[in-house]
């Protein structure tokens, strides 16, 4: 029964070029945020943030808004746009769906379809705390990091590469390590 439900769920996935899980060409503020952009405020902070996300260590402070700093105001506005969109979706559907995607892969499928998508998805929650200004934090959601399933379904459809379901379970071990390259081989 479980296999049948997974099969039906896979058939509902949108595998067109519009799906952001397969082909993310542009970052729209209401749908995404580039964590490396916090390097404009604190150099090398994005690598520490990504490391904490992969290892799922504590709550992560993304940004502290400073009214005297133009860069923090701009980044805070982008996060606010994403936050409002997530809140409206949660109010309408009851579903809170936010992931940090890492690492990104890009290239072409065998049929020439261009892809640019995250390999792993780490479930997080964006929190806005108003204490002495605005603090933006990432909290860890229940659930393990997972492979980007629509990406692998697109591999199957556009390149004819069949991936067994055991890869999804095996990938959870490697998602918490920095051992992506050895796993891919």
C-alpha atoms as a PDB file:
ATOM      1  CA  UNK A   1       0.000   0.000   0.000  1.00  0.00           C
ATOM      2  CA  UNK A   2       2.839   2.389   0.892  1.00  0.00           C
ATOM      3  CA  UNK A   3       4.490   1.812  -2.484  1.00  0.00           C
ATOM      4  CA  UNK A   4       1.222   2.564  -4.230  1.00  0.00           C
ATOM      5  CA  UNK A   5       0.826   5.855  -2.344  1.00  0.00           C
ATOM      6  CA  UNK A   6       4.403   6.879  -3.190  1.00  0.00           C
ATOM      7  CA  UNK A   7       3.749   6.054  -6.847  1.00  0.00           C
ATOM      8  CA  UNK A   8       0.575   8.158  -6.899  1.00  0.00           C
ATOM      9  CA  UNK A   9       2.337  11.023  -5.111  1.00  0.00           C
ATOM     10  CA  UNK A  10       5.132  10.915  -7.694  1.00  0.00           C
ATOM     11  CA  UNK A  11       2.591  11.155 -10.511  1.00  0.00           C
ATOM     12  CA  UNK A  12       1.219  14.370  -8.986  1.00  0.00           C
ATOM     13  CA  UNK A  13       4.645  16.067  -9.053  1.00  0.00           C
ATOM     14  CA  UNK A  14       5.030  18.835 -11.604  1.00  0.00           C
ATOM     15  CA  UNK A  15       8.068  17.897 -13.713  1.00  0.00           C
ATOM     16  CA  UNK A  16       7.820  20.849 -16.073  1.00  0.00           C
ATOM     17  CA  UNK A  17      10.450  23.532 -16.477  1.00  0.00           C
ATOM     18  CA  UNK A  18       8.426  25.860 -14.212  1.00  0.00           C
ATOM     19  CA  UNK A  19       9.031  23.736 -11.106  1.00  0.00           C
ATOM     20  CA  UNK A  20      11.482  25.529  -8.779  1.00  0.00           C
ATOM     21  CA  UNK A  21      12.594  22.180  -7.363  1.00  0.00           C
ATOM     22  CA  UNK A  22      14.094  21.352 -10.738  1.00  0.00           C
ATOM     23  CA  UNK A  23      15.006  24.641 -12.367  1.00  0.00           C
ATOM     24  CA  UNK A  24      15.548  27.747 -10.266  1.00  0.00           C
ATOM     25  CA  UNK A  25      16.754  30.437 -12.620  1.00  0.00           C
ATOM     26  CA  UNK A  26      15.889  33.522 -10.599  1.00  0.00           C
ATOM     27  CA  UNK A  27      15.407  34.173  -6.897  1.00  0.00           C
ATOM     28  CA  UNK A  28      12.078  35.792  -6.139  1.00  0.00           C
ATOM     29  CA  UNK A  29      11.880  37.423  -2.707  1.00  0.00           C
ATOM     30  CA  UNK A  30       8.522  35.890  -1.839  1.00  0.00           C
ATOM     31  CA  UNK A  31       9.709  32.346  -2.627  1.00  0.00           C
ATOM     32  CA  UNK A  32      13.404  32.193  -1.740  1.00  0.00           C
ATOM     33  CA  UNK A  33      16.376  33.760   0.012  1.00  0.00           C
ATOM     34  CA  UNK A  34      20.053  33.314  -0.811  1.00  0.00           C
ATOM     35  CA  UNK A  35      21.889  32.594   2.452  1.00  0.00           C
ATOM     36  CA  UNK A  36      25.196  33.680   0.929  1.00  0.00           C
ATOM     37  CA  UNK A  37      23.829  37.237   0.712  1.00  0.00           C
ATOM     38  CA  UNK A  38      24.356  37.625   4.486  1.00  0.00           C
ATOM     39  CA  UNK A  39      28.093  37.744   3.696  1.00  0.00           C
ATOM     40  CA  UNK A  40      27.517  41.385   2.714  1.00  0.00           C
ATOM     41  CA  UNK A  41      26.897  42.126   6.390  1.00  0.00           C
ATOM     42  CA  UNK A  42      29.068  39.503   8.114  1.00  0.00           C
ATOM     43  CA  UNK A  43      31.839  38.046   5.929  1.00  0.00           C
ATOM     44  CA  UNK A  44      32.038  34.222   5.958  1.00  0.00           C
ATOM     45  CA  UNK A  45      28.870  33.900   8.043  1.00  0.00           C
ATOM     46  CA  UNK A  46      27.013  31.959   5.342  1.00  0.00           C
ATOM     47  CA  UNK A  47      29.448  29.036   5.564  1.00  0.00           C
ATOM     48  CA  UNK A  48      28.888  28.853   9.338  1.00  0.00           C
ATOM     49  CA  UNK A  49      25.132  29.030   8.832  1.00  0.00           C
ATOM     50  CA  UNK A  50      25.217  26.207   6.252  1.00  0.00           C
ATOM     51  CA  UNK A  51      27.429  24.107   8.494  1.00  0.00           C
ATOM     52  CA  UNK A  52      24.961  24.501  11.379  1.00  0.00           C
ATOM     53  CA  UNK A  53      22.053  23.646   9.086  1.00  0.00           C
ATOM     54  CA  UNK A  54      23.737  20.469   7.841  1.00  0.00           C
ATOM     55  CA  UNK A  55      24.622  19.378  11.368  1.00  0.00           C
ATOM     56  CA  UNK A  56      21.282  20.709  12.718  1.00  0.00           C
ATOM     57  CA  UNK A  57      22.960  22.514  15.614  1.00  0.00           C
ATOM     58  CA  UNK A  58      20.676  24.781  17.640  1.00  0.00           C
ATOM     59  CA  UNK A  59      18.811  27.809  16.382  1.00  0.00           C
ATOM     60  CA  UNK A  60      20.613  29.884  13.818  1.00  0.00           C
ATOM     61  CA  UNK A  61      20.588  33.661  13.693  1.00  0.00           C
ATOM     62  CA  UNK A  62      20.477  34.688  10.058  1.00  0.00           C
ATOM     63  CA  UNK A  63      20.449  38.425  10.426  1.00  0.00           C
ATOM     64  CA  UNK A  64      20.018  41.192  12.948  1.00  0.00           C
ATOM     65  CA  UNK A  65      18.486  44.271  11.367  1.00  0.00           C
ATOM     66  CA  UNK A  66      20.379  47.502  11.955  1.00  0.00           C
ATOM     67  CA  UNK A  67      18.526  50.682  10.960  1.00  0.00           C
ATOM     68  CA  UNK A  68      21.855  52.435  10.362  1.00  0.00           C
ATOM     69  CA  UNK A  69      23.051  49.787   7.888  1.00  0.00           C
ATOM     70  CA  UNK A  70      21.503  49.827   4.399  1.00  0.00           C
ATOM     71  CA  UNK A  71      22.553  46.226   3.631  1.00  0.00           C
ATOM     72  CA  UNK A  72      20.792  44.776   6.697  1.00  0.00           C
ATOM     73  CA  UNK A  73      17.642  46.734   5.868  1.00  0.00           C
ATOM     74  CA  UNK A  74      17.610  45.358   2.310  1.00  0.00           C
ATOM     75  CA  UNK A  75      18.172  41.768   3.464  1.00  0.00           C
ATOM     76  CA  UNK A  76      15.571  42.168   6.205  1.00  0.00           C
ATOM     77  CA  UNK A  77      13.023  43.353   3.623  1.00  0.00           C
ATOM     78  CA  UNK A  78      13.730  40.262   1.502  1.00  0.00           C
ATOM     79  CA  UNK A  79      13.294  37.997   4.521  1.00  0.00           C
ATOM     80  CA  UNK A  80      10.111  39.848   5.455  1.00  0.00           C
ATOM     81  CA  UNK A  81       8.653  39.227   1.996  1.00  0.00           C
ATOM     82  CA  UNK A  82       9.426  35.503   2.294  1.00  0.00           C
ATOM     83  CA  UNK A  83       8.058  35.431   5.853  1.00  0.00           C
ATOM     84  CA  UNK A  84       4.758  37.072   4.840  1.00  0.00           C
ATOM     85  CA  UNK A  85       4.296  34.669   1.936  1.00  0.00           C
ATOM     86  CA  UNK A  86       4.958  31.651   4.169  1.00  0.00           C
ATOM     87  CA  UNK A  87       2.498  32.961   6.774  1.00  0.00           C
ATOM     88  CA  UNK A  88      -0.256  33.520   4.200  1.00  0.00           C
ATOM     89  CA  UNK A  89       0.223  30.025   2.766  1.00  0.00           C
ATOM     90  CA  UNK A  90       0.150  28.559   6.270  1.00  0.00           C
ATOM     91  CA  UNK A  91      -3.078  30.433   7.089  1.00  0.00           C
ATOM     92  CA  UNK A  92      -4.749  29.293   3.865  1.00  0.00           C
ATOM     93  CA  UNK A  93      -3.614  25.672   3.756  1.00  0.00           C
ATOM     94  CA  UNK A  94      -2.279  24.875   7.236  1.00  0.00           C
ATOM     95  CA  UNK A  95       0.989  23.778   5.637  1.00  0.00           C
ATOM     96  CA  UNK A  96       4.344  25.325   6.532  1.00  0.00           C
ATOM     97  CA  UNK A  97       6.808  24.293   3.868  1.00  0.00           C
ATOM     98  CA  UNK A  98      10.285  25.831   4.052  1.00  0.00           C
ATOM     99  CA  UNK A  99      13.538  24.101   3.223  1.00  0.00           C
ATOM    100  CA  UNK A 100      17.154  25.076   2.873  1.00  0.00           C
ATOM    101  CA  UNK A 101      18.475  23.523  -0.312  1.00  0.00           C
ATOM    102  CA  UNK A 102      22.140  22.516  -0.399  1.00  0.00           C
ATOM    103  CA  UNK A 103      24.280  21.723  -2.399  1.00  0.00           C
ATOM    104  CA  UNK A 104      23.011  23.032  -5.728  1.00  0.00           C
ATOM    105  CA  UNK A 105      23.678  21.174  -8.928  1.00  0.00           C
ATOM    106  CA  UNK A 106      23.358  22.585 -12.411  1.00  0.00           C
ATOM    107  CA  UNK A 107      23.715  21.203 -15.880  1.00  0.00           C
ATOM    108  CA  UNK A 108      21.771  19.651 -18.725  1.00  0.00           C
ATOM    109  CA  UNK A 109      19.702  16.492 -18.940  1.00  0.00           C
ATOM    110  CA  UNK A 110      20.233  14.126 -21.881  1.00  0.00           C
ATOM    111  CA  UNK A 111      17.349  15.738 -23.772  1.00  0.00           C
ATOM    112  CA  UNK A 112      18.893  19.214 -23.360  1.00  0.00           C
ATOM    113  CA  UNK A 113      16.711  20.393 -20.459  1.00  0.00           C
ATOM    114  CA  UNK A 114      18.643  22.760 -18.210  1.00  0.00           C
ATOM    115  CA  UNK A 115      18.475  22.086 -14.472  1.00  0.00           C
ATOM    116  CA  UNK A 116      19.620  24.068 -11.452  1.00  0.00           C
ATOM    117  CA  UNK A 117      18.322  22.616  -8.250  1.00  0.00           C
ATOM    118  CA  UNK A 118      19.245  21.637  -4.701  1.00  0.00           C
ATOM    119  CA  UNK A 119      20.265  18.059  -4.060  1.00  0.00           C
ATOM    120  CA  UNK A 120      19.239  17.928  -0.384  1.00  0.00           C
ATOM    121  CA  UNK A 121      16.396  19.740   1.387  1.00  0.00           C
ATOM    122  CA  UNK A 122      16.725  20.581   5.090  1.00  0.00           C
ATOM    123  CA  UNK A 123      13.398  21.430   6.816  1.00  0.00           C
ATOM    124  CA  UNK A 124      13.528  24.731   8.727  1.00  0.00           C
ATOM    125  CA  UNK A 125      11.218  27.419  10.051  1.00  0.00           C
ATOM    126  CA  UNK A 126      11.842  31.145   9.633  1.00  0.00           C
ATOM    127  CA  UNK A 127      11.212  33.154  12.767  1.00  0.00           C
ATOM    128  CA  UNK A 128      10.991  36.901  13.166  1.00  0.00           C
ATOM    129  CA  UNK A 129      11.811  38.112  16.681  1.00  0.00           C
ATOM    130  CA  UNK A 130      11.311  41.762  17.609  1.00  0.00           C
ATOM    131  CA  UNK A 131      13.790  42.313  20.423  1.00  0.00           C
ATOM    132  CA  UNK A 132      15.882  45.483  20.188  1.00  0.00           C
ATOM    133  CA  UNK A 133      15.184  45.550  16.469  1.00  0.00           C
ATOM    134  CA  UNK A 134      14.356  42.606  14.260  1.00  0.00           C
ATOM    135  CA  UNK A 135      16.248  39.309  14.539  1.00  0.00           C
ATOM    136  CA  UNK A 136      15.771  36.682  11.841  1.00  0.00           C
ATOM    137  CA  UNK A 137      16.319  33.087  12.954  1.00  0.00           C
ATOM    138  CA  UNK A 138      16.095  29.637  11.440  1.00  0.00           C
ATOM    139  CA  UNK A 139      14.617  26.944  13.669  1.00  0.00           C
ATOM    140  CA  UNK A 140      14.860  23.262  12.887  1.00  0.00           C
ATOM    141  CA  UNK A 141      11.654  21.495  12.014  1.00  0.00           C
ATOM    142  CA  UNK A 142      10.872  17.886  12.820  1.00  0.00           C
ATOM    143  CA  UNK A 143      12.068  15.665  10.058  1.00  0.00           C
ATOM    144  CA  UNK A 144      15.244  14.511   8.474  1.00  0.00           C
ATOM    145  CA  UNK A 145      17.014  16.063   5.514  1.00  0.00           C
ATOM    146  CA  UNK A 146      15.732  14.551   2.313  1.00  0.00           C
ATOM    147  CA  UNK A 147      16.688  14.234  -1.306  1.00  0.00           C
ATOM    148  CA  UNK A 148      14.978  16.511  -3.781  1.00  0.00           C
ATOM    149  CA  UNK A 149      12.556  13.884  -5.091  1.00  0.00           C
ATOM    150  CA  UNK A 150      11.189  15.942  -8.028  1.00  0.00           C
ATOM    151  CA  UNK A 151      14.763  16.348  -9.279  1.00  0.00           C
ATOM    152  CA  UNK A 152      15.263  12.577  -9.399  1.00  0.00           C
ATOM    153  CA  UNK A 153      11.872  12.094 -11.042  1.00  0.00           C
ATOM    154  CA  UNK A 154      12.981  14.608 -13.686  1.00  0.00           C
ATOM    155  CA  UNK A 155      16.193  12.592 -14.166  1.00  0.00           C
ATOM    156  CA  UNK A 156      14.022   9.580 -14.870  1.00  0.00           C
ATOM    157  CA  UNK A 157      11.693  11.419 -17.256  1.00  0.00           C
ATOM    158  CA  UNK A 158      14.167  13.536 -19.228  1.00  0.00           C
ATOM    159  CA  UNK A 159      17.343  11.430 -19.098  1.00  0.00           C
ATOM    160  CA  UNK A 160      16.027   7.919 -18.666  1.00  0.00           C
ATOM    161  CA  UNK A 161      18.045   7.428 -15.461  1.00  0.00           C
ATOM    162  CA  UNK A 162      16.100   5.110 -13.174  1.00  0.00           C
ATOM    163  CA  UNK A 163      16.813   5.649  -9.482  1.00  0.00           C
ATOM    164  CA  UNK A 164      15.791   3.010  -6.949  1.00  0.00           C
ATOM    165  CA  UNK A 165      13.880   4.011  -3.825  1.00  0.00           C
ATOM    166  CA  UNK A 166      16.712   2.791  -1.582  1.00  0.00           C
ATOM    167  CA  UNK A 167      18.703   5.885  -2.554  1.00  0.00           C
ATOM    168  CA  UNK A 168      16.298   8.100  -0.579  1.00  0.00           C
ATOM    169  CA  UNK A 169      16.917   6.173   2.630  1.00  0.00           C
ATOM    170  CA  UNK A 170      20.670   5.932   2.036  1.00  0.00           C
ATOM    171  CA  UNK A 171      20.934   9.653   1.350  1.00  0.00           C
ATOM    172  CA  UNK A 172      19.782  10.615   4.871  1.00  0.00           C
ATOM    173  CA  UNK A 173      23.110   9.408   6.271  1.00  0.00           C
ATOM    174  CA  UNK A 174      25.114  11.577   3.893  1.00  0.00           C
ATOM    175  CA  UNK A 175      22.903  14.655   4.230  1.00  0.00           C
ATOM    176  CA  UNK A 176      24.170  15.241   7.770  1.00  0.00           C
ATOM    177  CA  UNK A 177      27.800  14.944   6.740  1.00  0.00           C
ATOM    178  CA  UNK A 178      29.890  16.938   4.337  1.00  0.00           C
ATOM    179  CA  UNK A 179      30.441  13.728   2.384  1.00  0.00           C
ATOM    180  CA  UNK A 180      28.301  14.632  -0.663  1.00  0.00           C
ATOM    181  CA  UNK A 181      30.983  13.959  -3.273  1.00  0.00           C
ATOM    182  CA  UNK A 182      31.755  10.445  -2.020  1.00  0.00           C
ATOM    183  CA  UNK A 183      28.041   9.622  -1.905  1.00  0.00           C
ATOM    184  CA  UNK A 184      27.463  10.841  -5.463  1.00  0.00           C
ATOM    185  CA  UNK A 185      30.271   8.645  -6.818  1.00  0.00           C
END
